[in-house]
N, C-alpha and C. Protein backbone atom coordinates (compact mmCIF):
# COMPACT_ATOMS: atom_id res chain seq x y z
N MET A 1 21.40 -31.76 -11.48
CA MET A 1 22.07 -31.45 -10.23
C MET A 1 23.57 -31.60 -10.46
N ARG A 2 24.30 -30.63 -10.07
CA ARG A 2 25.75 -30.68 -10.21
C ARG A 2 26.34 -31.28 -8.94
N THR A 3 27.20 -32.27 -9.13
CA THR A 3 27.84 -32.96 -8.01
C THR A 3 29.28 -33.27 -8.37
N ASN A 4 30.18 -33.04 -7.46
CA ASN A 4 31.58 -33.40 -7.66
C ASN A 4 31.86 -34.66 -6.86
N ILE A 5 32.38 -35.69 -7.53
CA ILE A 5 32.70 -36.94 -6.87
C ILE A 5 34.06 -37.44 -7.35
N VAL A 6 34.71 -38.23 -6.52
CA VAL A 6 35.98 -38.85 -6.88
C VAL A 6 35.67 -40.27 -7.33
N ILE A 7 36.06 -40.59 -8.57
CA ILE A 7 35.80 -41.91 -9.14
C ILE A 7 37.12 -42.53 -9.55
N ASP A 8 37.29 -43.80 -9.25
CA ASP A 8 38.49 -44.54 -9.63
C ASP A 8 38.70 -44.44 -11.14
N ASP A 9 39.88 -43.97 -11.55
CA ASP A 9 40.18 -43.77 -12.97
C ASP A 9 40.08 -45.06 -13.78
N GLY A 10 40.55 -46.16 -13.23
CA GLY A 10 40.49 -47.44 -13.94
C GLY A 10 39.07 -47.91 -14.14
N LEU A 11 38.25 -47.74 -13.11
CA LEU A 11 36.85 -48.13 -13.20
C LEU A 11 36.12 -47.27 -14.24
N MET A 12 36.39 -45.98 -14.23
CA MET A 12 35.75 -45.09 -15.19
C MET A 12 36.18 -45.44 -16.61
N SER A 13 37.45 -45.69 -16.81
CA SER A 13 37.93 -46.06 -18.15
C SER A 13 37.30 -47.36 -18.62
N ALA A 14 37.20 -48.34 -17.73
CA ALA A 14 36.59 -49.62 -18.09
C ALA A 14 35.11 -49.45 -18.43
N ALA A 15 34.41 -48.64 -17.65
CA ALA A 15 32.98 -48.41 -17.90
C ALA A 15 32.77 -47.68 -19.22
N MET A 16 33.59 -46.69 -19.49
CA MET A 16 33.44 -45.93 -20.73
C MET A 16 33.73 -46.80 -21.94
N ALA A 17 34.73 -47.66 -21.82
CA ALA A 17 35.06 -48.56 -22.93
C ALA A 17 33.97 -49.61 -23.13
N ALA A 18 33.48 -50.16 -22.04
CA ALA A 18 32.46 -51.22 -22.12
C ALA A 18 31.16 -50.69 -22.70
N GLY A 19 30.81 -49.47 -22.35
CA GLY A 19 29.54 -48.91 -22.82
C GLY A 19 29.67 -48.06 -24.07
N GLY A 20 30.88 -47.82 -24.50
CA GLY A 20 31.07 -46.98 -25.67
C GLY A 20 30.71 -45.52 -25.42
N PHE A 21 30.88 -45.08 -24.19
CA PHE A 21 30.51 -43.70 -23.84
C PHE A 21 31.60 -42.73 -24.25
N LYS A 22 31.19 -41.54 -24.66
CA LYS A 22 32.13 -40.50 -25.06
C LYS A 22 32.49 -39.58 -23.90
N THR A 23 31.58 -39.49 -22.92
CA THR A 23 31.84 -38.61 -21.78
C THR A 23 31.66 -39.37 -20.47
N LYS A 24 32.31 -38.86 -19.45
CA LYS A 24 32.18 -39.46 -18.12
C LYS A 24 30.74 -39.31 -17.62
N ARG A 25 30.14 -38.18 -17.93
CA ARG A 25 28.76 -37.94 -17.51
C ARG A 25 27.83 -39.01 -18.08
N ASP A 26 27.99 -39.33 -19.36
CA ASP A 26 27.15 -40.36 -19.98
C ASP A 26 27.31 -41.70 -19.27
N ALA A 27 28.55 -42.03 -18.94
CA ALA A 27 28.82 -43.30 -18.26
C ALA A 27 28.18 -43.33 -16.87
N VAL A 28 28.33 -42.24 -16.12
CA VAL A 28 27.77 -42.18 -14.77
C VAL A 28 26.25 -42.22 -14.82
N GLU A 29 25.64 -41.45 -15.73
CA GLU A 29 24.18 -41.44 -15.82
C GLU A 29 23.64 -42.81 -16.21
N GLU A 30 24.31 -43.50 -17.13
CA GLU A 30 23.84 -44.84 -17.50
C GLU A 30 23.98 -45.81 -16.33
N GLY A 31 25.04 -45.66 -15.55
CA GLY A 31 25.20 -46.49 -14.36
C GLY A 31 24.08 -46.26 -13.36
N LEU A 32 23.68 -45.01 -13.18
CA LEU A 32 22.58 -44.70 -12.28
C LEU A 32 21.26 -45.26 -12.80
N ARG A 33 21.06 -45.16 -14.13
CA ARG A 33 19.85 -45.76 -14.73
C ARG A 33 19.83 -47.27 -14.50
N LEU A 34 20.97 -47.89 -14.66
CA LEU A 34 21.07 -49.34 -14.47
C LEU A 34 20.70 -49.74 -13.04
N ILE A 35 21.16 -48.98 -12.07
CA ILE A 35 20.83 -49.27 -10.67
C ILE A 35 19.33 -49.12 -10.43
N ALA A 36 18.73 -48.05 -10.96
CA ALA A 36 17.28 -47.84 -10.80
C ALA A 36 16.50 -48.95 -11.49
N ARG A 37 16.94 -49.34 -12.68
CA ARG A 37 16.27 -50.41 -13.43
C ARG A 37 16.37 -51.74 -12.67
N ARG A 38 17.54 -52.02 -12.11
CA ARG A 38 17.72 -53.26 -11.36
C ARG A 38 16.77 -53.31 -10.16
N ALA A 39 16.61 -52.18 -9.48
CA ALA A 39 15.70 -52.12 -8.33
C ALA A 39 14.26 -52.36 -8.78
N ALA A 40 13.89 -51.80 -9.94
CA ALA A 40 12.53 -52.01 -10.46
C ALA A 40 12.32 -53.47 -10.80
N TYR A 41 13.31 -54.11 -11.40
CA TYR A 41 13.20 -55.53 -11.75
C TYR A 41 13.10 -56.39 -10.50
N GLN A 42 13.83 -56.02 -9.45
CA GLN A 42 13.73 -56.77 -8.20
C GLN A 42 12.33 -56.68 -7.63
N GLU A 43 11.71 -55.52 -7.74
CA GLU A 43 10.33 -55.35 -7.28
C GLU A 43 9.39 -56.23 -8.09
N ILE A 44 9.60 -56.30 -9.40
CA ILE A 44 8.77 -57.14 -10.25
C ILE A 44 8.96 -58.61 -9.88
N ARG A 45 10.20 -59.02 -9.66
CA ARG A 45 10.48 -60.43 -9.31
C ARG A 45 9.85 -60.82 -7.97
N ARG A 46 9.63 -59.84 -7.12
CA ARG A 46 9.02 -60.10 -5.81
C ARG A 46 7.64 -60.74 -5.97
N TRP A 47 6.98 -60.45 -7.10
CA TRP A 47 5.63 -60.95 -7.34
C TRP A 47 5.61 -62.33 -7.98
N ARG A 48 6.77 -62.91 -8.30
CA ARG A 48 6.81 -64.21 -8.96
C ARG A 48 6.06 -65.26 -8.13
N GLY A 49 5.15 -65.93 -8.79
CA GLY A 49 4.38 -66.98 -8.14
C GLY A 49 3.22 -66.49 -7.28
N LYS A 50 3.03 -65.20 -7.18
CA LYS A 50 1.97 -64.64 -6.34
C LYS A 50 0.78 -64.12 -7.13
N LEU A 51 0.95 -63.98 -8.44
CA LEU A 51 -0.13 -63.49 -9.28
C LEU A 51 -0.67 -64.65 -10.11
N HIS A 52 -1.97 -64.69 -10.26
CA HIS A 52 -2.60 -65.78 -11.01
C HIS A 52 -3.39 -65.20 -12.17
N TRP A 53 -3.20 -65.77 -13.34
CA TRP A 53 -3.84 -65.31 -14.56
C TRP A 53 -5.20 -65.97 -14.71
N SER A 54 -6.22 -65.17 -15.01
CA SER A 54 -7.55 -65.72 -15.25
C SER A 54 -8.15 -65.10 -16.50
N GLY A 55 -7.29 -64.71 -17.43
CA GLY A 55 -7.74 -64.04 -18.64
C GLY A 55 -7.67 -64.93 -19.86
N ASP A 56 -7.52 -64.30 -20.98
CA ASP A 56 -7.50 -64.97 -22.28
C ASP A 56 -6.13 -65.58 -22.55
N ASP A 57 -6.04 -66.90 -22.48
CA ASP A 57 -4.78 -67.59 -22.70
C ASP A 57 -4.37 -67.61 -24.16
N SER A 58 -5.28 -67.25 -25.06
CA SER A 58 -4.94 -67.27 -26.48
C SER A 58 -4.25 -65.98 -26.92
N ALA A 59 -4.23 -64.98 -26.04
CA ALA A 59 -3.60 -63.70 -26.40
C ALA A 59 -2.09 -63.87 -26.50
N ASP A 60 -1.46 -63.13 -27.41
CA ASP A 60 -0.01 -63.15 -27.56
C ASP A 60 0.59 -62.11 -26.64
N TRP A 61 1.22 -62.57 -25.56
CA TRP A 61 1.80 -61.67 -24.58
C TRP A 61 3.31 -61.58 -24.73
N SER A 62 3.84 -62.10 -25.80
CA SER A 62 5.29 -62.06 -25.98
C SER A 62 5.71 -60.67 -26.44
N VAL A 63 6.45 -59.99 -25.60
CA VAL A 63 6.94 -58.66 -25.92
C VAL A 63 8.42 -58.63 -25.61
N ASP A 64 9.21 -58.26 -26.58
CA ASP A 64 10.64 -58.13 -26.39
C ASP A 64 10.88 -56.81 -25.67
N ALA A 65 11.42 -56.88 -24.45
CA ALA A 65 11.62 -55.67 -23.64
C ALA A 65 12.59 -54.69 -24.28
N SER A 66 13.36 -55.15 -25.24
CA SER A 66 14.29 -54.23 -25.90
C SER A 66 13.69 -53.60 -27.15
N SER A 67 12.47 -54.00 -27.51
CA SER A 67 11.85 -53.46 -28.72
C SER A 67 11.44 -52.01 -28.50
N ALA A 68 11.32 -51.28 -29.58
CA ALA A 68 10.93 -49.87 -29.50
C ALA A 68 9.55 -49.71 -28.87
N ASP A 69 8.65 -50.67 -29.12
CA ASP A 69 7.30 -50.59 -28.56
C ASP A 69 7.31 -50.76 -27.04
N ALA A 70 8.22 -51.58 -26.53
CA ALA A 70 8.24 -51.87 -25.10
C ALA A 70 9.02 -50.82 -24.31
N GLN A 71 9.91 -50.09 -24.94
CA GLN A 71 10.76 -49.15 -24.22
C GLN A 71 9.99 -48.13 -23.39
N PRO A 72 8.92 -47.50 -23.90
CA PRO A 72 8.19 -46.55 -23.04
C PRO A 72 7.63 -47.21 -21.78
N MET A 73 7.17 -48.46 -21.90
CA MET A 73 6.63 -49.15 -20.72
C MET A 73 7.73 -49.42 -19.71
N VAL A 74 8.88 -49.87 -20.18
CA VAL A 74 9.99 -50.17 -19.29
C VAL A 74 10.48 -48.88 -18.63
N GLN A 75 10.63 -47.82 -19.41
CA GLN A 75 11.10 -46.55 -18.87
C GLN A 75 10.12 -45.98 -17.86
N GLU A 76 8.83 -46.11 -18.11
CA GLU A 76 7.82 -45.62 -17.17
C GLU A 76 7.90 -46.37 -15.85
N ALA A 77 8.08 -47.69 -15.92
CA ALA A 77 8.17 -48.49 -14.70
C ALA A 77 9.42 -48.12 -13.90
N VAL A 78 10.53 -47.92 -14.58
CA VAL A 78 11.76 -47.55 -13.90
C VAL A 78 11.63 -46.16 -13.29
N ALA A 79 11.08 -45.21 -14.04
CA ALA A 79 10.91 -43.85 -13.53
C ALA A 79 9.97 -43.83 -12.32
N LYS A 80 8.91 -44.60 -12.38
CA LYS A 80 7.97 -44.64 -11.27
C LYS A 80 8.64 -45.18 -10.02
N TYR A 81 9.42 -46.26 -10.19
CA TYR A 81 10.10 -46.84 -9.02
C TYR A 81 11.13 -45.87 -8.44
N ALA A 82 11.80 -45.14 -9.32
CA ALA A 82 12.84 -44.22 -8.89
C ALA A 82 12.27 -42.90 -8.39
N GLY A 83 10.94 -42.75 -8.43
CA GLY A 83 10.32 -41.52 -7.94
C GLY A 83 10.46 -40.37 -8.91
N GLN A 84 10.59 -40.69 -10.19
CA GLN A 84 10.77 -39.65 -11.21
C GLN A 84 9.63 -39.70 -12.22
N THR A 85 8.40 -39.88 -11.76
CA THR A 85 7.27 -39.98 -12.69
C THR A 85 7.14 -38.72 -13.50
N LYS A 86 6.72 -38.89 -14.74
CA LYS A 86 6.59 -37.77 -15.67
C LYS A 86 5.23 -37.12 -15.55
């Protein structure tokens, strides 16, 4: 979707430098992804203390969310929350 918006030049410069982005579009899109991801994480945190485990405690459930294996799961959860299911 093409959209024209006015963005503070200082804020855009700071965001591009902080994220190492080459284009303004990349910086804006990553910012939008971050907002969607934050909303998904807030939804997950809503369940803290409300779910009870009754399964196999010997299973290894340690997964680094930044690992290549976990990325599809994280992206799917974010896309689902943002209404962009594949």
